[in-house]
Each structure stands twice: as structure tokens, then as C-alpha cells.
Amino acid sequence: MKISQKYSHLNGEEYLLVHHKKLYTEIKKVIGSIDASKFLTKESKEKTMKGRLLYSPVDLNKAFTESFNKLDWNEGRYQYYITTNQKYLEQIVNLPYKEQKEFLIKKGIKEPIKSYKQTDFVKDQIAIEVQFGKYAFVAFDLFVKHLLFYSGGVINLGVEVLPTKKMQCQMSSGVAYYEGEVYNVLRHGRNNPPVPLLILGIEP
């Protein structure tokens, strides 16, 4: 596969080039190593494409996982405690997990609610999400997950890998695509979400 389009949000690509050029090379190497033709294995049951072979998101994700894992990119988790008090949130967001709980208990919250978020691959404070899912999943990645990891000090940059419209046309309906998601980011303004991102549009 190849990277046919890219969008750098808040100097995301520039950050990679200056501080993590080797990791950027690894990302491009993994994408280039995937032979998409091997994953035209999903037989469509949709009326408009019935019987047509489409790219399988499950098989594609598996191939990316194997390739990234070989280069020591592994799943990352960020654990945190939830509060709806804006003042408390600002005070605990950078605290270690256990200290967040202790802080909230001292503030009179008897049973603090714990939660976590997971991201596909993390290495040296760079997070990667390879997304062949529905539109809602990408919005969650860009406006919730990457931001949460960033504000919690777990990452310095989020990378989102998406199929282009050209590739999405050969997938089941409802799959998010690069052009549409970059449009959504641009519509929110240049500084939203407030986290450096690199969005990559890939295709065979």
C-alpha cells in the first residue's frame, strides 16, 4: 500500500520529521509492506454490491498489527479517574493514576469512577490508530482518544491511518475515509482538536 495523501494538524508531521524521523520511516515502511490485494476477501451481501469481493477490515487490521508489533509498536492504555467537576479535572489530569483517586477521595468523592482508553500502537510517545471502521470510530479517535492521551502526557502526537475515498469505494458502506475526516477536522478550525496529529490517507 502507499500513502497518497496526508494532513498535518498543529505541525504533527513536522514534529515527526524533527524529533522522530526514524519512527516516521517505520510507519511508512509498515504501510508500504502491506499487499492490499491479499485482503479482497470479503464477499459483499449489500444489495448494491452483492457478491462483489471487498477489502476485509478485519484482515487488514490483523496485517497491520503483525507488522507494527514486529517493530515494537504495541497497544497502549491510559487509565484515569472520571470527574464532572471542571476544577478537579484541571487539577488531576496530569497526576499519576493512583494519585488521581487519592485526590478525589480527599475532595469528598467516596467512590471515584475509574476508566481507561486503549490505542492501537504506541512507541516513544507516538500513538497510531489504523482505522477501517465506521465514521463514528474515527471521530472518537481524533476528538477524544488522541486528545486524552495527549493531555494525560502519554503521547506527544497522534497518527491516524485511513483509507482514501478511492479505497473506501471497494469496502463496505459506512467506512470512514481520509478526505471526509480531514474535512471534518478543518471545519472545526485550525486549533481543534488541540493535539498535534498526522492523518494519512492510504490506498493500494
C-alpha atoms as a PDB file:
ATOM      1  CA  MET A   1       0.000   0.000   0.000  1.00  0.00           C
ATOM      2  CA  LYS A   2       1.043   3.615  -0.301  1.00  0.00           C
ATOM      3  CA  ILE A   3       0.444   6.957   1.374  1.00  0.00           C
ATOM      4  CA  SER A   4      -1.330   9.021  -1.259  1.00  0.00           C
ATOM      5  CA  GLN A   5      -2.415  11.952   0.905  1.00  0.00           C
ATOM      6  CA  LYS A   6      -1.515  13.441   4.278  1.00  0.00           C
ATOM      7  CA  TYR A   7      -2.667  16.239   6.524  1.00  0.00           C
ATOM      8  CA  SER A   8      -0.508  17.702   9.283  1.00  0.00           C
ATOM      9  CA  HIS A   9      -2.529  19.231  12.124  1.00  0.00           C
ATOM     10  CA  LEU A  10      -0.724  21.558  14.548  1.00  0.00           C
ATOM     11  CA  ASN A  11       2.621  20.636  12.955  1.00  0.00           C
ATOM     12  CA  GLY A  12       2.200  16.911  13.520  1.00  0.00           C
ATOM     13  CA  GLU A  13       4.323  15.811  10.562  1.00  0.00           C
ATOM     14  CA  GLU A  14       6.935  18.463  11.283  1.00  0.00           C
ATOM     15  CA  TYR A  15       7.257  17.115  14.836  1.00  0.00           C
ATOM     16  CA  LEU A  16       7.914  13.627  13.483  1.00  0.00           C
ATOM     17  CA  LEU A  17      10.472  14.841  10.961  1.00  0.00           C
ATOM     18  CA  VAL A  18      12.414  16.827  13.558  1.00  0.00           C
ATOM     19  CA  HIS A  19      12.164  14.585  16.619  1.00  0.00           C
ATOM     20  CA  HIS A  20      11.279  11.081  15.411  1.00  0.00           C
ATOM     21  CA  LYS A  21      12.396  10.687  11.815  1.00  0.00           C
ATOM     22  CA  LYS A  22      13.203   7.005  12.407  1.00  0.00           C
ATOM     23  CA  LEU A  23       9.694   6.294  13.693  1.00  0.00           C
ATOM     24  CA  TYR A  24       8.173   8.086  10.721  1.00  0.00           C
ATOM     25  CA  THR A  25      10.275   5.852   8.472  1.00  0.00           C
ATOM     26  CA  GLU A  26       8.944   2.803  10.329  1.00  0.00           C
ATOM     27  CA  ILE A  27       5.342   3.937   9.830  1.00  0.00           C
ATOM     28  CA  LYS A  28       5.900   4.390   6.100  1.00  0.00           C
ATOM     29  CA  LYS A  29       7.718   1.060   5.923  1.00  0.00           C
ATOM     30  CA  VAL A  30       4.791  -0.813   7.505  1.00  0.00           C
ATOM     31  CA  ILE A  31       2.254   0.804   5.179  1.00  0.00           C
ATOM     32  CA  GLY A  32       4.425   0.008   2.173  1.00  0.00           C
ATOM     33  CA  SER A  33       4.764  -3.618   3.241  1.00  0.00           C
ATOM     34  CA  ILE A  34       1.017  -4.346   3.153  1.00  0.00           C
ATOM     35  CA  ASP A  35      -0.202  -6.010  -0.054  1.00  0.00           C
ATOM     36  CA  ALA A  36      -3.846  -4.943  -0.151  1.00  0.00           C
ATOM     37  CA  SER A  37      -4.684  -7.359  -2.967  1.00  0.00           C
ATOM     38  CA  LYS A  38      -4.403 -10.228  -0.465  1.00  0.00           C
ATOM     39  CA  PHE A  39      -7.322  -8.815   1.507  1.00  0.00           C
ATOM     40  CA  LEU A  40     -10.004  -8.613  -1.167  1.00  0.00           C
ATOM     41  CA  THR A  41     -11.664 -11.455   0.686  1.00  0.00           C
ATOM     42  CA  LYS A  42     -14.960 -10.104   1.995  1.00  0.00           C
ATOM     43  CA  GLU A  43     -17.968 -11.095  -0.117  1.00  0.00           C
ATOM     44  CA  SER A  44     -20.495  -8.291  -0.024  1.00  0.00           C
ATOM     45  CA  LYS A  45     -24.082  -9.003   0.978  1.00  0.00           C
ATOM     46  CA  GLU A  46     -25.262  -5.456   0.331  1.00  0.00           C
ATOM     47  CA  LYS A  47     -27.873  -5.030  -2.387  1.00  0.00           C
ATOM     48  CA  THR A  48     -25.798  -2.591  -4.426  1.00  0.00           C
ATOM     49  CA  MET A  49     -22.645  -4.741  -4.283  1.00  0.00           C
ATOM     50  CA  LYS A  50     -23.964  -8.251  -3.723  1.00  0.00           C
ATOM     51  CA  GLY A  51     -21.366 -10.937  -4.409  1.00  0.00           C
ATOM     52  CA  ARG A  52     -18.571  -8.428  -5.031  1.00  0.00           C
ATOM     53  CA  LEU A  53     -15.250  -9.009  -3.270  1.00  0.00           C
ATOM     54  CA  LEU A  54     -14.330  -6.119  -0.985  1.00  0.00           C
ATOM     55  CA  TYR A  55     -11.376  -5.320   1.242  1.00  0.00           C
ATOM     56  CA  SER A  56     -11.735  -7.017   4.620  1.00  0.00           C
ATOM     57  CA  PRO A  57     -11.225  -4.563   7.538  1.00  0.00           C
ATOM     58  CA  VAL A  58     -10.592  -7.458   9.936  1.00  0.00           C
ATOM     59  CA  ASP A  59      -7.857  -8.984   7.785  1.00  0.00           C
ATOM     60  CA  LEU A  60      -6.290  -5.609   7.028  1.00  0.00           C
ATOM     61  CA  ASN A  61      -6.167  -4.724  10.718  1.00  0.00           C
ATOM     62  CA  LYS A  62      -4.559  -8.063  11.501  1.00  0.00           C
ATOM     63  CA  ALA A  63      -1.846  -7.490   8.886  1.00  0.00           C
ATOM     64  CA  PHE A  64      -1.090  -4.014  10.235  1.00  0.00           C
ATOM     65  CA  THR A  65      -0.977  -5.305  13.804  1.00  0.00           C
ATOM     66  CA  GLU A  66       1.512  -8.036  12.921  1.00  0.00           C
ATOM     67  CA  SER A  67       3.741  -5.616  11.025  1.00  0.00           C
ATOM     68  CA  PHE A  68       3.728  -2.901  13.681  1.00  0.00           C
ATOM     69  CA  ASN A  69       4.250  -5.405  16.506  1.00  0.00           C
ATOM     70  CA  LYS A  70       7.393  -6.704  14.781  1.00  0.00           C
ATOM     71  CA  LEU A  71       8.826  -3.193  15.110  1.00  0.00           C
ATOM     72  CA  ASP A  72       7.840  -2.983  18.805  1.00  0.00           C
ATOM     73  CA  TRP A  73       4.770  -0.820  18.287  1.00  0.00           C
ATOM     74  CA  ASN A  74       2.294  -2.201  20.812  1.00  0.00           C
ATOM     75  CA  GLU A  75      -1.106  -1.436  22.287  1.00  0.00           C
ATOM     76  CA  GLY A  76      -1.176   1.398  24.774  1.00  0.00           C
ATOM     77  CA  ARG A  77      -3.605   2.085  27.614  1.00  0.00           C
ATOM     78  CA  TYR A  78      -4.276   5.219  29.581  1.00  0.00           C
ATOM     79  CA  GLN A  79      -6.041   4.789  32.916  1.00  0.00           C
ATOM     80  CA  TYR A  80      -7.733   7.673  34.656  1.00  0.00           C
ATOM     81  CA  TYR A  81     -10.480   8.646  37.081  1.00  0.00           C
ATOM     82  CA  ILE A  82     -13.593  10.491  35.988  1.00  0.00           C
ATOM     83  CA  THR A  83     -14.902  13.724  37.454  1.00  0.00           C
ATOM     84  CA  THR A  84     -17.524  16.162  36.172  1.00  0.00           C
ATOM     85  CA  ASN A  85     -16.079  18.963  38.289  1.00  0.00           C
ATOM     86  CA  GLN A  86     -14.115  21.175  35.870  1.00  0.00           C
ATOM     87  CA  LYS A  87     -11.815  22.494  38.588  1.00  0.00           C
ATOM     88  CA  TYR A  88     -10.942  18.999  39.838  1.00  0.00           C
ATOM     89  CA  LEU A  89     -10.400  17.792  36.285  1.00  0.00           C
ATOM     90  CA  GLU A  90      -7.838  20.502  35.622  1.00  0.00           C
ATOM     91  CA  GLN A  91      -6.018  19.543  38.821  1.00  0.00           C
ATOM     92  CA  ILE A  92      -5.888  15.772  38.312  1.00  0.00           C
ATOM     93  CA  VAL A  93      -5.357  15.470  34.552  1.00  0.00           C
ATOM     94  CA  ASN A  94      -1.549  15.323  34.885  1.00  0.00           C
ATOM     95  CA  LEU A  95      -1.462  13.352  38.133  1.00  0.00           C
ATOM     96  CA  PRO A  96      -0.439   9.658  38.189  1.00  0.00           C
ATOM     97  CA  TYR A  97      -3.372   7.224  38.153  1.00  0.00           C
ATOM     98  CA  LYS A  98      -3.273   6.352  41.884  1.00  0.00           C
ATOM     99  CA  GLU A  99      -2.865   9.975  42.923  1.00  0.00           C
ATOM    100  CA  GLN A 100      -5.976  10.931  40.962  1.00  0.00           C
ATOM    101  CA  LYS A 101      -8.047   8.601  43.124  1.00  0.00           C
ATOM    102  CA  GLU A 102      -6.484   9.889  46.337  1.00  0.00           C
ATOM    103  CA  PHE A 103      -7.139  13.489  45.286  1.00  0.00           C
ATOM    104  CA  LEU A 104     -10.814  12.848  44.554  1.00  0.00           C
ATOM    105  CA  ILE A 105     -11.345  10.963  47.829  1.00  0.00           C
ATOM    106  CA  LYS A 106      -9.853  13.893  49.732  1.00  0.00           C
ATOM    107  CA  LYS A 107     -12.356  16.126  47.954  1.00  0.00           C
ATOM    108  CA  GLY A 108     -15.216  14.056  49.350  1.00  0.00           C
ATOM    109  CA  ILE A 109     -15.878  11.713  46.425  1.00  0.00           C
ATOM    110  CA  LYS A 110     -16.264   8.374  48.212  1.00  0.00           C
ATOM    111  CA  GLU A 111     -16.206   6.064  45.194  1.00  0.00           C
ATOM    112  CA  PRO A 112     -14.288   7.639  42.297  1.00  0.00           C
ATOM    113  CA  ILE A 113     -15.126   6.133  38.897  1.00  0.00           C
ATOM    114  CA  LYS A 114     -12.160   4.613  37.085  1.00  0.00           C
ATOM    115  CA  SER A 115     -11.890   4.259  33.328  1.00  0.00           C
ATOM    116  CA  TYR A 116      -9.362   3.765  30.544  1.00  0.00           C
ATOM    117  CA  LYS A 117      -8.809   4.264  26.834  1.00  0.00           C
ATOM    118  CA  GLN A 118      -6.865   1.985  24.516  1.00  0.00           C
ATOM    119  CA  THR A 119      -4.945   2.900  21.364  1.00  0.00           C
ATOM    120  CA  ASP A 120      -3.693   0.515  18.678  1.00  0.00           C
ATOM    121  CA  PHE A 121       0.034   1.228  18.766  1.00  0.00           C
ATOM    122  CA  VAL A 122       2.324   3.384  20.910  1.00  0.00           C
ATOM    123  CA  LYS A 123       6.069   3.862  20.787  1.00  0.00           C
ATOM    124  CA  ASP A 124       8.201   6.671  22.207  1.00  0.00           C
ATOM    125  CA  GLN A 125       5.109   8.780  22.926  1.00  0.00           C
ATOM    126  CA  ILE A 126       3.742   8.468  19.392  1.00  0.00           C
ATOM    127  CA  ALA A 127       0.300   6.836  19.057  1.00  0.00           C
ATOM    128  CA  ILE A 128      -1.069   5.253  15.877  1.00  0.00           C
ATOM    129  CA  GLU A 129      -4.652   4.323  15.105  1.00  0.00           C
ATOM    130  CA  VAL A 130      -5.254   2.282  11.947  1.00  0.00           C
ATOM    131  CA  GLN A 131      -8.923   2.774  11.229  1.00  0.00           C
ATOM    132  CA  PHE A 132     -11.025   0.848   8.739  1.00  0.00           C
ATOM    133  CA  GLY A 133     -14.192   1.224  10.798  1.00  0.00           C
ATOM    134  CA  LYS A 134     -17.296   3.400  10.677  1.00  0.00           C
ATOM    135  CA  TYR A 135     -17.289   7.194  10.768  1.00  0.00           C
ATOM    136  CA  ALA A 136     -18.033   7.421  14.492  1.00  0.00           C
ATOM    137  CA  PHE A 137     -14.891   5.497  15.411  1.00  0.00           C
ATOM    138  CA  VAL A 138     -12.638   7.971  13.611  1.00  0.00           C
ATOM    139  CA  ALA A 139     -14.310  10.974  15.234  1.00  0.00           C
ATOM    140  CA  PHE A 140     -13.771   9.295  18.603  1.00  0.00           C
ATOM    141  CA  ASP A 141     -10.083   8.737  17.775  1.00  0.00           C
ATOM    142  CA  LEU A 142      -9.455  12.307  16.665  1.00  0.00           C
ATOM    143  CA  PHE A 143     -11.532  14.292  19.131  1.00  0.00           C
ATOM    144  CA  VAL A 144     -11.437  12.053  22.222  1.00  0.00           C
ATOM    145  CA  LYS A 145      -8.822   9.316  22.285  1.00  0.00           C
ATOM    146  CA  HIS A 146      -5.713  11.095  20.909  1.00  0.00           C
ATOM    147  CA  LEU A 147      -6.614  14.201  22.912  1.00  0.00           C
ATOM    148  CA  LEU A 148      -6.999  12.224  26.125  1.00  0.00           C
ATOM    149  CA  PHE A 149      -3.610  10.517  25.698  1.00  0.00           C
ATOM    150  CA  TYR A 150      -2.031  13.865  24.818  1.00  0.00           C
ATOM    151  CA  SER A 151      -3.493  15.843  27.733  1.00  0.00           C
ATOM    152  CA  GLY A 152      -2.529  12.994  30.060  1.00  0.00           C
ATOM    153  CA  GLY A 153       1.108  13.256  28.992  1.00  0.00           C
ATOM    154  CA  VAL A 154       1.185   9.772  27.454  1.00  0.00           C
ATOM    155  CA  ILE A 155       1.821  10.913  23.869  1.00  0.00           C
ATOM    156  CA  ASN A 156       3.145  13.943  22.012  1.00  0.00           C
ATOM    157  CA  LEU A 157       1.499  13.104  18.700  1.00  0.00           C
ATOM    158  CA  GLY A 158      -1.385  11.069  17.313  1.00  0.00           C
ATOM    159  CA  VAL A 159      -1.249   9.414  13.883  1.00  0.00           C
ATOM    160  CA  GLU A 160      -4.479   8.345  12.178  1.00  0.00           C
ATOM    161  CA  VAL A 161      -4.246   5.981   9.198  1.00  0.00           C
ATOM    162  CA  LEU A 162      -7.339   5.928   6.967  1.00  0.00           C
ATOM    163  CA  PRO A 163      -8.303   4.593   3.540  1.00  0.00           C
ATOM    164  CA  THR A 164      -8.748   7.216   0.843  1.00  0.00           C
ATOM    165  CA  LYS A 165     -12.070   7.565  -0.942  1.00  0.00           C
ATOM    166  CA  LYS A 166     -10.578   5.545  -3.806  1.00  0.00           C
ATOM    167  CA  MET A 167     -10.007   2.594  -1.491  1.00  0.00           C
ATOM    168  CA  GLN A 168     -13.173   3.115   0.550  1.00  0.00           C
ATOM    169  CA  CYS A 169     -15.213   2.598  -2.625  1.00  0.00           C
ATOM    170  CA  GLN A 170     -14.030  -1.004  -2.503  1.00  0.00           C
ATOM    171  CA  MET A 171     -15.166  -1.544   1.087  1.00  0.00           C
ATOM    172  CA  SER A 172     -18.492  -1.979   2.847  1.00  0.00           C
ATOM    173  CA  SER A 173     -20.694   1.106   3.091  1.00  0.00           C
ATOM    174  CA  GLY A 174     -20.202   3.371   6.087  1.00  0.00           C
ATOM    175  CA  VAL A 175     -16.422   3.027   6.321  1.00  0.00           C
ATOM    176  CA  ALA A 176     -14.717   6.348   7.071  1.00  0.00           C
ATOM    177  CA  TYR A 177     -12.322   7.777   4.516  1.00  0.00           C
ATOM    178  CA  TYR A 178      -9.435  10.228   4.582  1.00  0.00           C
ATOM    179  CA  GLU A 179     -10.933  13.119   2.630  1.00  0.00           C
ATOM    180  CA  GLY A 180     -14.134  13.166   4.658  1.00  0.00           C
ATOM    181  CA  GLU A 181     -12.372  13.068   8.021  1.00  0.00           C
ATOM    182  CA  VAL A 182      -9.849  15.774   7.138  1.00  0.00           C
ATOM    183  CA  TYR A 183     -12.793  17.911   6.024  1.00  0.00           C
ATOM    184  CA  ASN A 184     -14.385  17.384   9.452  1.00  0.00           C
ATOM    185  CA  VAL A 185     -11.189  18.477  11.213  1.00  0.00           C
ATOM    186  CA  LEU A 186     -10.871  21.559   9.019  1.00  0.00           C
ATOM    187  CA  ARG A 187     -14.473  22.507   9.741  1.00  0.00           C
ATOM    188  CA  HIS A 188     -13.637  22.689  13.460  1.00  0.00           C
ATOM    189  CA  GLY A 189     -10.915  25.287  12.906  1.00  0.00           C
ATOM    190  CA  ARG A 190      -7.138  25.220  12.853  1.00  0.00           C
ATOM    191  CA  ASN A 191      -6.664  24.622  16.595  1.00  0.00           C
ATOM    192  CA  ASN A 192      -9.324  21.982  17.195  1.00  0.00           C
ATOM    193  CA  PRO A 193      -8.726  19.315  18.354  1.00  0.00           C
ATOM    194  CA  PRO A 194      -5.889  20.809  20.442  1.00  0.00           C
ATOM    195  CA  VAL A 195      -3.469  17.933  19.849  1.00  0.00           C
ATOM    196  CA  PRO A 196      -0.807  17.519  17.126  1.00  0.00           C
ATOM    197  CA  LEU A 197      -1.993  14.989  14.548  1.00  0.00           C
ATOM    198  CA  LEU A 198      -0.809  13.425  11.319  1.00  0.00           C
ATOM    199  CA  ILE A 199      -3.635  11.982   9.241  1.00  0.00           C
ATOM    200  CA  LEU A 200      -2.530   9.620   6.477  1.00  0.00           C
ATOM    201  CA  GLY A 201      -4.673   8.568   3.536  1.00  0.00           C
ATOM    202  CA  ILE A 202      -3.622   5.181   2.201  1.00  0.00           C
ATOM    203  CA  GLU A 203      -4.651   3.070  -0.787  1.00  0.00           C
ATOM    204  CA  PRO A 204      -3.400   0.095  -2.835  1.00  0.00           C
END
